[in-house]
PDB file of N, CA and C in Angstrom:
ATOM      1  N   UNK A   1      35.524  -7.495  86.133  1.00  0.00           N
ATOM      2  CA  UNK A   1      35.958  -7.040  87.436  1.00  0.00           C
ATOM      3  C   UNK A   1      37.461  -6.755  87.388  1.00  0.00           C
ATOM      4  N   UNK A   2      37.872  -5.553  87.800  1.00  0.00           N
ATOM      5  CA  UNK A   2      39.299  -5.239  87.770  1.00  0.00           C
ATOM      6  C   UNK A   2      40.064  -5.969  88.862  1.00  0.00           C
ATOM      7  N   UNK A   3      41.307  -6.281  88.551  1.00  0.00           N
ATOM      8  CA  UNK A   3      42.190  -6.938  89.508  1.00  0.00           C
ATOM      9  C   UNK A   3      43.029  -5.889  90.232  1.00  0.00           C
ATOM     10  N   UNK A   4      43.494  -6.226  91.431  1.00  0.00           N
ATOM     11  CA  UNK A   4      44.423  -5.352  92.133  1.00  0.00           C
ATOM     12  C   UNK A   4      45.753  -5.350  91.394  1.00  0.00           C
ATOM     13  N   UNK A   5      46.462  -4.243  91.475  1.00  0.00           N
ATOM     14  CA  UNK A   5      47.757  -4.123  90.821  1.00  0.00           C
ATOM     15  C   UNK A   5      48.760  -5.025  91.533  1.00  0.00           C
ATOM     16  N   UNK A   6      49.456  -5.853  90.769  1.00  0.00           N
ATOM     17  CA  UNK A   6      50.535  -6.660  91.322  1.00  0.00           C
ATOM     18  C   UNK A   6      51.751  -5.765  91.503  1.00  0.00           C
ATOM     19  N   UNK A   7      52.453  -5.926  92.591  1.00  0.00           N
ATOM     20  CA  UNK A   7      53.649  -5.109  92.813  1.00  0.00           C
ATOM     21  C   UNK A   7      54.933  -5.920  92.718  1.00  0.00           C
ATOM     22  N   UNK A   8      54.810  -7.249  92.817  1.00  0.00           N
ATOM     23  CA  UNK A   8      55.988  -8.122  92.709  1.00  0.00           C
ATOM     24  C   UNK A   8      55.747  -9.167  91.632  1.00  0.00           C
ATOM     25  N   UNK A   9      56.807  -9.501  90.934  1.00  0.00           N
ATOM     26  CA  UNK A   9      56.738 -10.500  89.876  1.00  0.00           C
ATOM     27  C   UNK A   9      56.383 -11.864  90.466  1.00  0.00           C
ATOM     28  N   UNK A  10      55.388 -12.550  89.901  1.00  0.00           N
ATOM     29  CA  UNK A  10      55.030 -13.868  90.417  1.00  0.00           C
ATOM     30  C   UNK A  10      56.080 -14.941  90.109  1.00  0.00           C
ATOM     31  N   UNK A  11      57.020 -14.649  89.212  1.00  0.00           N
ATOM     32  CA  UNK A  11      58.058 -15.611  88.844  1.00  0.00           C
ATOM     33  C   UNK A  11      59.304 -15.447  89.706  1.00  0.00           C
ATOM     34  N   UNK A  12      59.823 -14.196  89.788  1.00  0.00           N
ATOM     35  CA  UNK A  12      61.100 -13.995  90.481  1.00  0.00           C
ATOM     36  C   UNK A  12      60.992 -13.135  91.743  1.00  0.00           C
ATOM     37  N   UNK A  13      59.817 -12.614  92.036  1.00  0.00           N
ATOM     38  CA  UNK A  13      59.530 -11.810  93.234  1.00  0.00           C
ATOM     39  C   UNK A  13      60.150 -10.411  93.235  1.00  0.00           C
ATOM     40  N   UNK A  14      60.761  -9.981  92.143  1.00  0.00           N
ATOM     41  CA  UNK A  14      61.290  -8.616  92.072  1.00  0.00           C
ATOM     42  C   UNK A  14      60.137  -7.632  91.841  1.00  0.00           C
ATOM     43  N   UNK A  15      60.386  -6.363  92.128  1.00  0.00           N
ATOM     44  CA  UNK A  15      59.367  -5.329  91.971  1.00  0.00           C
ATOM     45  C   UNK A  15      58.962  -5.166  90.513  1.00  0.00           C
ATOM     46  N   UNK A  16      57.668  -5.002  90.308  1.00  0.00           N
ATOM     47  CA  UNK A  16      57.148  -4.729  88.971  1.00  0.00           C
ATOM     48  C   UNK A  16      56.993  -3.219  88.796  1.00  0.00           C
ATOM     49  N   UNK A  17      57.007  -2.756  87.539  1.00  0.00           N
ATOM     50  CA  UNK A  17      56.790  -1.349  87.223  1.00  0.00           C
ATOM     51  C   UNK A  17      55.547  -1.234  86.358  1.00  0.00           C
ATOM     52  N   UNK A  18      54.736  -0.237  86.624  1.00  0.00           N
ATOM     53  CA  UNK A  18      53.570   0.032  85.795  1.00  0.00           C
ATOM     54  C   UNK A  18      54.076   0.748  84.552  1.00  0.00           C
ATOM     55  N   UNK A  19      53.695   0.246  83.378  1.00  0.00           N
ATOM     56  CA  UNK A  19      54.193   0.839  82.136  1.00  0.00           C
ATOM     57  C   UNK A  19      53.079   1.300  81.200  1.00  0.00           C
ATOM     58  N   UNK A  20      51.828   1.044  81.546  1.00  0.00           N
ATOM     59  CA  UNK A  20      50.747   1.417  80.633  1.00  0.00           C
ATOM     60  C   UNK A  20      49.512   1.806  81.435  1.00  0.00           C
ATOM     61  N   UNK A  21      48.905   2.930  81.064  1.00  0.00           N
ATOM     62  CA  UNK A  21      47.651   3.383  81.658  1.00  0.00           C
ATOM     63  C   UNK A  21      46.655   3.589  80.525  1.00  0.00           C
ATOM     64  N   UNK A  22      45.393   3.237  80.789  1.00  0.00           N
ATOM     65  CA  UNK A  22      44.390   3.394  79.734  1.00  0.00           C
ATOM     66  C   UNK A  22      43.092   3.917  80.327  1.00  0.00           C
ATOM     67  N   UNK A  23      42.506   4.898  79.636  1.00  0.00           N
ATOM     68  CA  UNK A  23      41.227   5.455  80.042  1.00  0.00           C
ATOM     69  C   UNK A  23      40.110   4.517  79.569  1.00  0.00           C
ATOM     70  N   UNK A  24      39.249   4.050  80.485  1.00  0.00           N
ATOM     71  CA  UNK A  24      38.180   3.151  80.059  1.00  0.00           C
ATOM     72  C   UNK A  24      37.083   3.864  79.262  1.00  0.00           C
ATOM     73  N   UNK A  25      37.042   5.196  79.340  1.00  0.00           N
ATOM     74  CA  UNK A  25      36.002   5.954  78.645  1.00  0.00           C
ATOM     75  C   UNK A  25      36.368   6.205  77.176  1.00  0.00           C
ATOM     76  N   UNK A  26      37.544   6.816  76.966  1.00  0.00           N
ATOM     77  CA  UNK A  26      37.910   7.202  75.598  1.00  0.00           C
ATOM     78  C   UNK A  26      38.998   6.331  74.991  1.00  0.00           C
ATOM     79  N   UNK A  27      39.488   5.369  75.766  1.00  0.00           N
ATOM     80  CA  UNK A  27      40.522   4.435  75.315  1.00  0.00           C
ATOM     81  C   UNK A  27      41.894   5.071  75.093  1.00  0.00           C
ATOM     82  N   UNK A  28      42.112   6.300  75.572  1.00  0.00           N
ATOM     83  CA  UNK A  28      43.436   6.903  75.493  1.00  0.00           C
ATOM     84  C   UNK A  28      44.404   6.026  76.275  1.00  0.00           C
ATOM     85  N   UNK A  29      45.565   5.752  75.686  1.00  0.00           N
ATOM     86  CA  UNK A  29      46.565   4.914  76.321  1.00  0.00           C
ATOM     87  C   UNK A  29      47.854   5.705  76.482  1.00  0.00           C
ATOM     88  N   UNK A  30      48.422   5.635  77.661  1.00  0.00           N
ATOM     89  CA  UNK A  30      49.691   6.306  77.946  1.00  0.00           C
ATOM     90  C   UNK A  30      50.680   5.236  78.362  1.00  0.00           C
ATOM     91  N   UNK A  31      51.830   5.206  77.681  1.00  0.00           N
ATOM     92  CA  UNK A  31      52.871   4.241  78.019  1.00  0.00           C
ATOM     93  C   UNK A  31      54.108   4.974  78.490  1.00  0.00           C
ATOM     94  N   UNK A  32      54.651   4.539  79.602  1.00  0.00           N
ATOM     95  CA  UNK A  32      55.855   5.089  80.208  1.00  0.00           C
ATOM     96  C   UNK A  32      56.170   4.216  81.409  1.00  0.00           C
ATOM     97  N   UNK A  33      57.131   4.596  82.220  1.00  0.00           N
ATOM     98  CA  UNK A  33      57.391   3.896  83.473  1.00  0.00           C
ATOM     99  C   UNK A  33      56.843   4.758  84.595  1.00  0.00           C
ATOM    100  N   UNK A  34      55.903   4.208  85.358  1.00  0.00           N
ATOM    101  CA  UNK A  34      55.242   4.925  86.434  1.00  0.00           C
ATOM    102  C   UNK A  34      55.594   4.283  87.765  1.00  0.00           C
ATOM    103  N   UNK A  35      55.627   5.074  88.804  1.00  0.00           N
ATOM    104  CA  UNK A  35      55.894   4.533  90.139  1.00  0.00           C
ATOM    105  C   UNK A  35      54.588   4.432  90.917  1.00  0.00           C
ATOM    106  N   UNK A  36      54.556   3.497  91.817  1.00  0.00           N
ATOM    107  CA  UNK A  36      53.416   3.335  92.717  1.00  0.00           C
ATOM    108  C   UNK A  36      53.794   3.896  94.078  1.00  0.00           C
ATOM    109  N   UNK A  37      52.802   4.256  94.849  1.00  0.00           N
ATOM    110  CA  UNK A  37      53.092   4.711  96.207  1.00  0.00           C
ATOM    111  C   UNK A  37      53.592   3.533  97.033  1.00  0.00           C
ATOM    112  N   UNK A  38      54.288   3.833  98.100  1.00  0.00           N
ATOM    113  CA  UNK A  38      54.777   2.766  98.972  1.00  0.00           C
ATOM    114  C   UNK A  38      53.616   1.982  99.564  1.00  0.00           C
ATOM    115  N   UNK A  39      52.513   2.652  99.808  1.00  0.00           N
ATOM    116  CA  UNK A  39      51.341   1.960 100.360  1.00  0.00           C
ATOM    117  C   UNK A  39      50.846   0.918  99.358  1.00  0.00           C
ATOM    118  N   UNK A  40      50.972   1.215  98.086  1.00  0.00           N
ATOM    119  CA  UNK A  40      50.548   0.275  97.056  1.00  0.00           C
ATOM    120  C   UNK A  40      51.355  -1.007  97.042  1.00  0.00           C
ATOM    121  N   UNK A  41      52.520  -0.990  97.676  1.00  0.00           N
ATOM    122  CA  UNK A  41      53.355  -2.193  97.697  1.00  0.00           C
ATOM    123  C   UNK A  41      53.037  -3.116  98.874  1.00  0.00           C
ATOM    124  N   UNK A  42      52.140  -2.684  99.757  1.00  0.00           N
ATOM    125  CA  UNK A  42      51.764  -3.533 100.893  1.00  0.00           C
ATOM    126  C   UNK A  42      50.888  -4.684 100.414  1.00  0.00           C
ATOM    127  N   UNK A  43      50.951  -5.793 101.134  1.00  0.00           N
ATOM    128  CA  UNK A  43      50.108  -6.947 100.798  1.00  0.00           C
ATOM    129  C   UNK A  43      48.657  -6.629 101.134  1.00  0.00           C
ATOM    130  N   UNK A  44      47.746  -7.427 100.626  1.00  0.00           N
ATOM    131  CA  UNK A  44      46.320  -7.231 100.907  1.00  0.00           C
ATOM    132  C   UNK A  44      46.060  -7.305 102.415  1.00  0.00           C
ATOM    133  N   UNK A  45      46.726  -8.230 103.090  1.00  0.00           N
ATOM    134  CA  UNK A  45      46.564  -8.369 104.547  1.00  0.00           C
ATOM    135  C   UNK A  45      47.073  -7.125 105.272  1.00  0.00           C
ATOM    136  N   UNK A  46      48.212  -6.598 104.823  1.00  0.00           N
ATOM    137  CA  UNK A  46      48.760  -5.389 105.449  1.00  0.00           C
ATOM    138  C   UNK A  46      47.854  -4.184 105.204  1.00  0.00           C
ATOM    139  N   UNK A  47      47.300  -4.081 104.001  1.00  0.00           N
ATOM    140  CA  UNK A  47      46.377  -2.979 103.701  1.00  0.00           C
ATOM    141  C   UNK A  47      45.123  -3.062 104.569  1.00  0.00           C
ATOM    142  N   UNK A  48      44.617  -4.265 104.770  1.00  0.00           N
ATOM    143  CA  UNK A  48      43.448  -4.457 105.631  1.00  0.00           C
ATOM    144  C   UNK A  48      43.776  -4.033 107.059  1.00  0.00           C
ATOM    145  N   UNK A  49      44.975  -4.385 107.530  1.00  0.00           N
ATOM    146  CA  UNK A  49      45.393  -4.000 108.875  1.00  0.00           C
ATOM    147  C   UNK A  49      45.492  -2.476 108.988  1.00  0.00           C
ATOM    148  N   UNK A  50      46.098  -1.820 107.988  1.00  0.00           N
ATOM    149  CA  UNK A  50      46.225  -0.355 108.003  1.00  0.00           C
ATOM    150  C   UNK A  50      44.838   0.285 108.037  1.00  0.00           C
ATOM    151  N   UNK A  51      43.921  -0.234 107.240  1.00  0.00           N
ATOM    152  CA  UNK A  51      42.554   0.292 107.226  1.00  0.00           C
ATOM    153  C   UNK A  51      41.912   0.172 108.599  1.00  0.00           C
ATOM    154  N   UNK A  52      42.037  -0.991 109.218  1.00  0.00           N
ATOM    155  CA  UNK A  52      41.479  -1.207 110.559  1.00  0.00           C
ATOM    156  C   UNK A  52      42.144  -0.283 111.569  1.00  0.00           C
ATOM    157  N   UNK A  53      43.462  -0.154 111.485  1.00  0.00           N
ATOM    158  CA  UNK A  53      44.211   0.703 112.403  1.00  0.00           C
ATOM    159  C   UNK A  53      43.730   2.154 112.294  1.00  0.00           C
ATOM    160  N   UNK A  54      43.527   2.623 111.073  1.00  0.00           N
ATOM    161  CA  UNK A  54      43.067   3.994 110.873  1.00  0.00           C
ATOM    162  C   UNK A  54      41.631   4.188 111.347  1.00  0.00           C
ATOM    163  N   UNK A  55      40.774   3.227 111.057  1.00  0.00           N
ATOM    164  CA  UNK A  55      39.382   3.318 111.506  1.00  0.00           C
ATOM    165  C   UNK A  55      39.324   3.360 113.030  1.00  0.00           C
ATOM    166  N   UNK A  56      40.228   2.630 113.674  1.00  0.00           N
ATOM    167  CA  UNK A  56      40.305   2.623 115.147  1.00  0.00           C
ATOM    168  C   UNK A  56      41.110   3.816 115.671  1.00  0.00           C
ATOM    169  N   UNK A  57      41.486   4.716 114.771  1.00  0.00           N
ATOM    170  CA  UNK A  57      42.234   5.934 115.113  1.00  0.00           C
ATOM    171  C   UNK A  57      43.530   5.642 115.877  1.00  0.00           C
ATOM    172  N   UNK A  58      44.166   4.536 115.521  1.00  0.00           N
ATOM    173  CA  UNK A  58      45.448   4.194 116.127  1.00  0.00           C
ATOM    174  C   UNK A  58      45.353   3.618 117.527  1.00  0.00           C
ATOM    175  N   UNK A  59      44.149   3.361 118.010  1.00  0.00           N
ATOM    176  CA  UNK A  59      43.963   2.803 119.347  1.00  0.00           C
ATOM    177  C   UNK A  59      44.233   1.297 119.284  1.00  0.00           C
ATOM    178  N   UNK A  60      45.375   0.889 119.833  1.00  0.00           N
ATOM    179  CA  UNK A  60      45.792  -0.514 119.738  1.00  0.00           C
ATOM    180  C   UNK A  60      44.787  -1.444 120.405  1.00  0.00           C
ATOM    181  N   UNK A  61      44.213  -1.020 121.522  1.00  0.00           N
ATOM    182  CA  UNK A  61      43.198  -1.849 122.205  1.00  0.00           C
ATOM    183  C   UNK A  61      42.016  -2.128 121.269  1.00  0.00           C
ATOM    184  N   UNK A  62      41.591  -1.093 120.549  1.00  0.00           N
ATOM    185  CA  UNK A  62      40.479  -1.270 119.610  1.00  0.00           C
ATOM    186  C   UNK A  62      40.865  -2.185 118.448  1.00  0.00           C
ATOM    187  N   UNK A  63      42.106  -2.050 117.980  1.00  0.00           N
ATOM    188  CA  UNK A  63      42.589  -2.914 116.895  1.00  0.00           C
ATOM    189  C   UNK A  63      42.602  -4.363 117.372  1.00  0.00           C
ATOM    190  N   UNK A  64      43.067  -4.578 118.616  1.00  0.00           N
ATOM    191  CA  UNK A  64      43.068  -5.924 119.194  1.00  0.00           C
ATOM    192  C   UNK A  64      41.667  -6.515 119.157  1.00  0.00           C
ATOM    193  N   UNK A  65      40.689  -5.735 119.628  1.00  0.00           N
ATOM    194  CA  UNK A  65      39.293  -6.207 119.680  1.00  0.00           C
ATOM    195  C   UNK A  65      38.743  -6.461 118.288  1.00  0.00           C
ATOM    196  N   UNK A  66      38.967  -5.513 117.394  1.00  0.00           N
ATOM    197  CA  UNK A  66      38.421  -5.613 116.039  1.00  0.00           C
ATOM    198  C   UNK A  66      38.947  -6.833 115.284  1.00  0.00           C
ATOM    199  N   UNK A  67      40.256  -7.097 115.434  1.00  0.00           N
ATOM    200  CA  UNK A  67      40.877  -8.196 114.686  1.00  0.00           C
ATOM    201  C   UNK A  67      41.003  -9.483 115.488  1.00  0.00           C
ATOM    202  N   UNK A  68      40.729  -9.398 116.803  1.00  0.00           N
ATOM    203  CA  UNK A  68      40.838 -10.592 117.642  1.00  0.00           C
ATOM    204  C   UNK A  68      42.267 -11.079 117.786  1.00  0.00           C
ATOM    205  N   UNK A  69      43.216 -10.129 117.866  1.00  0.00           N
ATOM    206  CA  UNK A  69      44.628 -10.492 118.010  1.00  0.00           C
ATOM    207  C   UNK A  69      45.203  -9.823 119.245  1.00  0.00           C
ATOM    208  N   UNK A  70      46.357 -10.288 119.692  1.00  0.00           N
ATOM    209  CA  UNK A  70      46.976  -9.781 120.913  1.00  0.00           C
ATOM    210  C   UNK A  70      47.790  -8.515 120.652  1.00  0.00           C
ATOM    211  N   UNK A  71      48.135  -7.843 121.747  1.00  0.00           N
ATOM    212  CA  UNK A  71      48.966  -6.637 121.683  1.00  0.00           C
ATOM    213  C   UNK A  71      50.280  -6.898 120.944  1.00  0.00           C
ATOM    214  N   UNK A  72      51.027  -7.964 121.286  1.00  0.00           N
ATOM    215  CA  UNK A  72      52.284  -8.203 120.561  1.00  0.00           C
ATOM    216  C   UNK A  72      52.070  -8.424 119.064  1.00  0.00           C
ATOM    217  N   UNK A  73      50.950  -9.047 118.703  1.00  0.00           N
ATOM    218  CA  UNK A  73      50.667  -9.271 117.288  1.00  0.00           C
ATOM    219  C   UNK A  73      50.400  -7.949 116.584  1.00  0.00           C
ATOM    220  N   UNK A  74      49.643  -7.062 117.231  1.00  0.00           N
ATOM    221  CA  UNK A  74      49.394  -5.737 116.657  1.00  0.00           C
ATOM    222  C   UNK A  74      50.717  -5.015 116.456  1.00  0.00           C
ATOM    223  N   UNK A  75      51.565  -5.002 117.487  1.00  0.00           N
ATOM    224  CA  UNK A  75      52.865  -4.326 117.392  1.00  0.00           C
ATOM    225  C   UNK A  75      53.718  -4.944 116.285  1.00  0.00           C
ATOM    226  N   UNK A  76      53.696  -6.266 116.181  1.00  0.00           N
ATOM    227  CA  UNK A  76      54.470  -6.943 115.142  1.00  0.00           C
ATOM    228  C   UNK A  76      54.015  -6.545 113.748  1.00  0.00           C
ATOM    229  N   UNK A  77      52.702  -6.491 113.557  1.00  0.00           N
ATOM    230  CA  UNK A  77      52.164  -6.092 112.254  1.00  0.00           C
ATOM    231  C   UNK A  77      52.512  -4.644 111.941  1.00  0.00           C
ATOM    232  N   UNK A  78      52.440  -3.787 112.952  1.00  0.00           N
ATOM    233  CA  UNK A  78      52.826  -2.387 112.751  1.00  0.00           C
ATOM    234  C   UNK A  78      54.301  -2.292 112.355  1.00  0.00           C
ATOM    235  N   UNK A  79      55.149  -3.055 113.027  1.00  0.00           N
ATOM    236  CA  UNK A  79      56.576  -3.043 112.705  1.00  0.00           C
ATOM    237  C   UNK A  79      56.830  -3.531 111.273  1.00  0.00           C
ATOM    238  N   UNK A  80      56.108  -4.565 110.852  1.00  0.00           N
ATOM    239  CA  UNK A  80      56.235  -5.070 109.479  1.00  0.00           C
ATOM    240  C   UNK A  80      55.895  -3.980 108.465  1.00  0.00           C
ATOM    241  N   UNK A  81      54.806  -3.282 108.731  1.00  0.00           N
ATOM    242  CA  UNK A  81      54.340  -2.251 107.808  1.00  0.00           C
ATOM    243  C   UNK A  81      55.312  -1.073 107.779  1.00  0.00           C
ATOM    244  N   UNK A  82      55.795  -0.665 108.944  1.00  0.00           N
ATOM    245  CA  UNK A  82      56.782   0.421 108.996  1.00  0.00           C
ATOM    246  C   UNK A  82      58.030   0.018 108.216  1.00  0.00           C
ATOM    247  N   UNK A  83      58.477  -1.211 108.383  1.00  0.00           N
ATOM    248  CA  UNK A  83      59.653  -1.685 107.646  1.00  0.00           C
ATOM    249  C   UNK A  83      59.403  -1.654 106.140  1.00  0.00           C
ATOM    250  N   UNK A  84      58.218  -2.083 105.730  1.00  0.00           N
ATOM    251  CA  UNK A  84      57.890  -2.091 104.301  1.00  0.00           C
ATOM    252  C   UNK A  84      57.837  -0.669 103.740  1.00  0.00           C
ATOM    253  N   UNK A  85      57.298   0.261 104.502  1.00  0.00           N
ATOM    254  CA  UNK A  85      57.152   1.633 104.020  1.00  0.00           C
ATOM    255  C   UNK A  85      58.453   2.427 104.060  1.00  0.00           C
ATOM    256  N   UNK A  86      59.382   2.011 104.908  1.00  0.00           N
ATOM    257  CA  UNK A  86      60.649   2.738 105.012  1.00  0.00           C
ATOM    258  C   UNK A  86      61.778   2.012 104.306  1.00  0.00           C
ATOM    259  N   UNK A  87      61.459   0.946 103.584  1.00  0.00           N
ATOM    260  CA  UNK A  87      62.453   0.128 102.887  1.00  0.00           C
ATOM    261  C   UNK A  87      63.479  -0.452 103.844  1.00  0.00           C
ATOM    262  N   UNK A  88      63.123  -0.555 105.120  1.00  0.00           N
ATOM    263  CA  UNK A  88      64.003  -1.127 106.137  1.00  0.00           C
ATOM    264  C   UNK A  88      63.631  -2.595 106.274  1.00  0.00           C
ATOM    265  N   UNK A  89      64.517  -3.471 105.887  1.00  0.00           N
ATOM    266  CA  UNK A  89      64.208  -4.902 105.909  1.00  0.00           C
ATOM    267  C   UNK A  89      64.370  -5.516 107.291  1.00  0.00           C
ATOM    268  N   UNK A  90      64.966  -4.800 108.216  1.00  0.00           N
ATOM    269  CA  UNK A  90      65.091  -5.325 109.569  1.00  0.00           C
ATOM    270  C   UNK A  90      63.949  -4.795 110.417  1.00  0.00           C
ATOM    271  N   UNK A  91      63.548  -5.561 111.399  1.00  0.00           N
ATOM    272  CA  UNK A  91      62.493  -5.129 112.297  1.00  0.00           C
ATOM    273  C   UNK A  91      63.032  -4.014 113.178  1.00  0.00           C
ATOM    274  N   UNK A  92      62.307  -2.895 113.262  1.00  0.00           N
ATOM    275  CA  UNK A  92      62.800  -1.816 114.114  1.00  0.00           C
ATOM    276  C   UNK A  92      62.906  -2.267 115.564  1.00  0.00           C
ATOM    277  N   UNK A  93      64.001  -1.898 116.203  1.00  0.00           N
ATOM    278  CA  UNK A  93      64.196  -2.231 117.609  1.00  0.00           C
ATOM    279  C   UNK A  93      63.486  -1.209 118.466  1.00  0.00           C
ATOM    280  N   UNK A  94      62.873  -1.688 119.519  1.00  0.00           N
ATOM    281  CA  UNK A  94      62.190  -0.780 120.433  1.00  0.00           C
ATOM    282  C   UNK A  94      63.185  -0.182 121.403  1.00  0.00           C
ATOM    283  N   UNK A  95      62.975   1.061 121.792  1.00  0.00           N
ATOM    284  CA  UNK A  95      63.864   1.654 122.775  1.00  0.00           C
ATOM    285  C   UNK A  95      63.762   0.939 124.111  1.00  0.00           C
ATOM    286  N   UNK A  96      64.813   1.024 124.916  1.00  0.00           N
ATOM    287  CA  UNK A  96      64.869   0.345 126.205  1.00  0.00           C
ATOM    288  C   UNK A  96      63.718   0.751 127.120  1.00  0.00           C
ATOM    289  N   UNK A  97      63.258   2.004 127.010  1.00  0.00           N
ATOM    290  CA  UNK A  97      62.188   2.456 127.895  1.00  0.00           C
ATOM    291  C   UNK A  97      60.904   1.646 127.719  1.00  0.00           C
ATOM    292  N   UNK A  98      60.749   0.942 126.603  1.00  0.00           N
ATOM    293  CA  UNK A  98      59.556   0.133 126.385  1.00  0.00           C
ATOM    294  C   UNK A  98      59.511  -1.078 127.310  1.00  0.00           C
ATOM    295  N   UNK A  99      60.638  -1.491 127.864  1.00  0.00           N
ATOM    296  CA  UNK A  99      60.643  -2.612 128.803  1.00  0.00           C
ATOM    297  C   UNK A  99      59.771  -2.276 130.008  1.00  0.00           C
ATOM    298  N   UNK A 100      59.831  -1.035 130.468  1.00  0.00           N
ATOM    299  CA  UNK A 100      58.983  -0.612 131.591  1.00  0.00           C
ATOM    300  C   UNK A 100      57.513  -0.657 131.196  1.00  0.00           C
ATOM    301  N   UNK A 101      57.221  -0.288 129.961  1.00  0.00           N
ATOM    302  CA  UNK A 101      55.834  -0.320 129.485  1.00  0.00           C
ATOM    303  C   UNK A 101      55.316  -1.761 129.436  1.00  0.00           C
ATOM    304  N   UNK A 102      56.173  -2.689 129.009  1.00  0.00           N
ATOM    305  CA  UNK A 102      55.783  -4.102 128.949  1.00  0.00           C
ATOM    306  C   UNK A 102      55.452  -4.607 130.349  1.00  0.00           C
ATOM    307  N   UNK A 103      56.295  -4.266 131.312  1.00  0.00           N
ATOM    308  CA  UNK A 103      56.046  -4.687 132.700  1.00  0.00           C
ATOM    309  C   UNK A 103      54.736  -4.081 133.202  1.00  0.00           C
ATOM    310  N   UNK A 104      54.500  -2.833 132.867  1.00  0.00           N
ATOM    311  CA  UNK A 104      53.267  -2.165 133.270  1.00  0.00           C
ATOM    312  C   UNK A 104      52.042  -2.844 132.656  1.00  0.00           C
ATOM    313  N   UNK A 105      52.137  -3.188 131.370  1.00  0.00           N
ATOM    314  CA  UNK A 105      51.028  -3.887 130.701  1.00  0.00           C
ATOM    315  C   UNK A 105      50.772  -5.236 131.360  1.00  0.00           C
ATOM    316  N   UNK A 106      51.841  -5.925 131.741  1.00  0.00           N
ATOM    317  CA  UNK A 106      51.709  -7.219 132.405  1.00  0.00           C
ATOM    318  C   UNK A 106      51.049  -7.050 133.770  1.00  0.00           C
ATOM    319  N   UNK A 107      51.512  -6.062 134.525  1.00  0.00           N
ATOM    320  CA  UNK A 107      50.945  -5.819 135.851  1.00  0.00           C
ATOM    321  C   UNK A 107      49.466  -5.463 135.787  1.00  0.00           C
ATOM    322  N   UNK A 108      49.074  -4.731 134.744  1.00  0.00           N
ATOM    323  CA  UNK A 108      47.675  -4.318 134.592  1.00  0.00           C
ATOM    324  C   UNK A 108      46.794  -5.428 134.019  1.00  0.00           C
ATOM    325  N   UNK A 109      47.414  -6.539 133.627  1.00  0.00           N
ATOM    326  CA  UNK A 109      46.646  -7.642 133.055  1.00  0.00           C
ATOM    327  C   UNK A 109      46.295  -7.442 131.595  1.00  0.00           C
ATOM    328  N   UNK A 110      46.935  -6.460 130.931  1.00  0.00           N
ATOM    329  CA  UNK A 110      46.639  -6.190 129.526  1.00  0.00           C
ATOM    330  C   UNK A 110      47.272  -7.216 128.597  1.00  0.00           C
ATOM    331  N   UNK A 111      48.355  -7.853 129.056  1.00  0.00           N
ATOM    332  CA  UNK A 111      49.012  -8.892 128.271  1.00  0.00           C
ATOM    333  C   UNK A 111      49.334 -10.067 129.193  1.00  0.00           C
ATOM    334  N   UNK A 112      49.552 -11.222 128.584  1.00  0.00           N
ATOM    335  CA  UNK A 112      49.897 -12.410 129.360  1.00  0.00           C
ATOM    336  C   UNK A 112      51.403 -12.442 129.602  1.00  0.00           C
ATOM    337  N   UNK A 113      51.826 -13.333 130.467  1.00  0.00           N
ATOM    338  CA  UNK A 113      53.260 -13.482 130.747  1.00  0.00           C
ATOM    339  C   UNK A 113      54.012 -13.896 129.480  1.00  0.00           C
ATOM    340  N   UNK A 114      53.412 -14.769 128.681  1.00  0.00           N
ATOM    341  CA  UNK A 114      54.053 -15.210 127.445  1.00  0.00           C
ATOM    342  C   UNK A 114      54.234 -14.037 126.476  1.00  0.00           C
ATOM    343  N   UNK A 115      53.199 -13.191 126.383  1.00  0.00           N
ATOM    344  CA  UNK A 115      53.293 -12.028 125.504  1.00  0.00           C
ATOM    345  C   UNK A 115      54.366 -11.065 126.013  1.00  0.00           C
ATOM    346  N   UNK A 116      54.445 -10.904 127.327  1.00  0.00           N
ATOM    347  CA  UNK A 116      55.458 -10.021 127.915  1.00  0.00           C
ATOM    348  C   UNK A 116      56.857 -10.543 127.604  1.00  0.00           C
ATOM    349  N   UNK A 117      57.045 -11.844 127.734  1.00  0.00           N
ATOM    350  CA  UNK A 117      58.344 -12.439 127.440  1.00  0.00           C
ATOM    351  C   UNK A 117      58.721 -12.186 125.983  1.00  0.00           C
ATOM    352  N   UNK A 118      57.775 -12.385 125.084  1.00  0.00           N
ATOM    353  CA  UNK A 118      58.045 -12.150 123.652  1.00  0.00           C
ATOM    354  C   UNK A 118      58.396 -10.693 123.393  1.00  0.00           C
ATOM    355  N   UNK A 119      57.658  -9.793 124.008  1.00  0.00           N
ATOM    356  CA  UNK A 119      57.940  -8.364 123.828  1.00  0.00           C
ATOM    357  C   UNK A 119      59.305  -7.990 124.373  1.00  0.00           C
ATOM    358  N   UNK A 120      59.652  -8.548 125.527  1.00  0.00           N
ATOM    359  CA  UNK A 120      60.948  -8.236 126.148  1.00  0.00           C
ATOM    360  C   UNK A 120      62.106  -8.806 125.323  1.00  0.00           C
ATOM    361  N   UNK A 121      61.880  -9.899 124.646  1.00  0.00           N
ATOM    362  CA  UNK A 121      62.923 -10.464 123.772  1.00  0.00           C
ATOM    363  C   UNK A 121      63.206  -9.518 122.614  1.00  0.00           C
ATOM    364  N   UNK A 122      62.169  -8.787 122.178  1.00  0.00           N
ATOM    365  CA  UNK A 122      62.312  -7.870 121.053  1.00  0.00           C
ATOM    366  C   UNK A 122      62.952  -6.542 121.451  1.00  0.00           C
ATOM    367  N   UNK A 123      63.034  -6.247 122.755  1.00  0.00           N
ATOM    368  CA  UNK A 123      63.578  -4.957 123.209  1.00  0.00           C
ATOM    369  C   UNK A 123      65.075  -4.934 123.039  1.00  0.00           C
TER     370      UNK A 123
END
């Protein structure tokens, strides 16, 4: 059974580079330094989330239902993935206009007061 490609060193946590490819049919081997896609650097949990997000066609409500997590958790996971894919180590800040959206979600009963407070802290 093949293993998933490791992207970080298990000893020092620095990025690993793929240096060897081999054809399982004819045994041809190619050695060089190869790059992986940014998506390949996501953790297994992040890849599962991306898969669910895409299957739900980006509908956050559906992602919430499918994974059994709250709106702020979905947004947090999305922010983590965006940061990983853009090499931005800081969490992206939401624009001020999102504060109105948080209040609207709270008023509609889509999120709890605690979730609203957490979201507003991130704005």
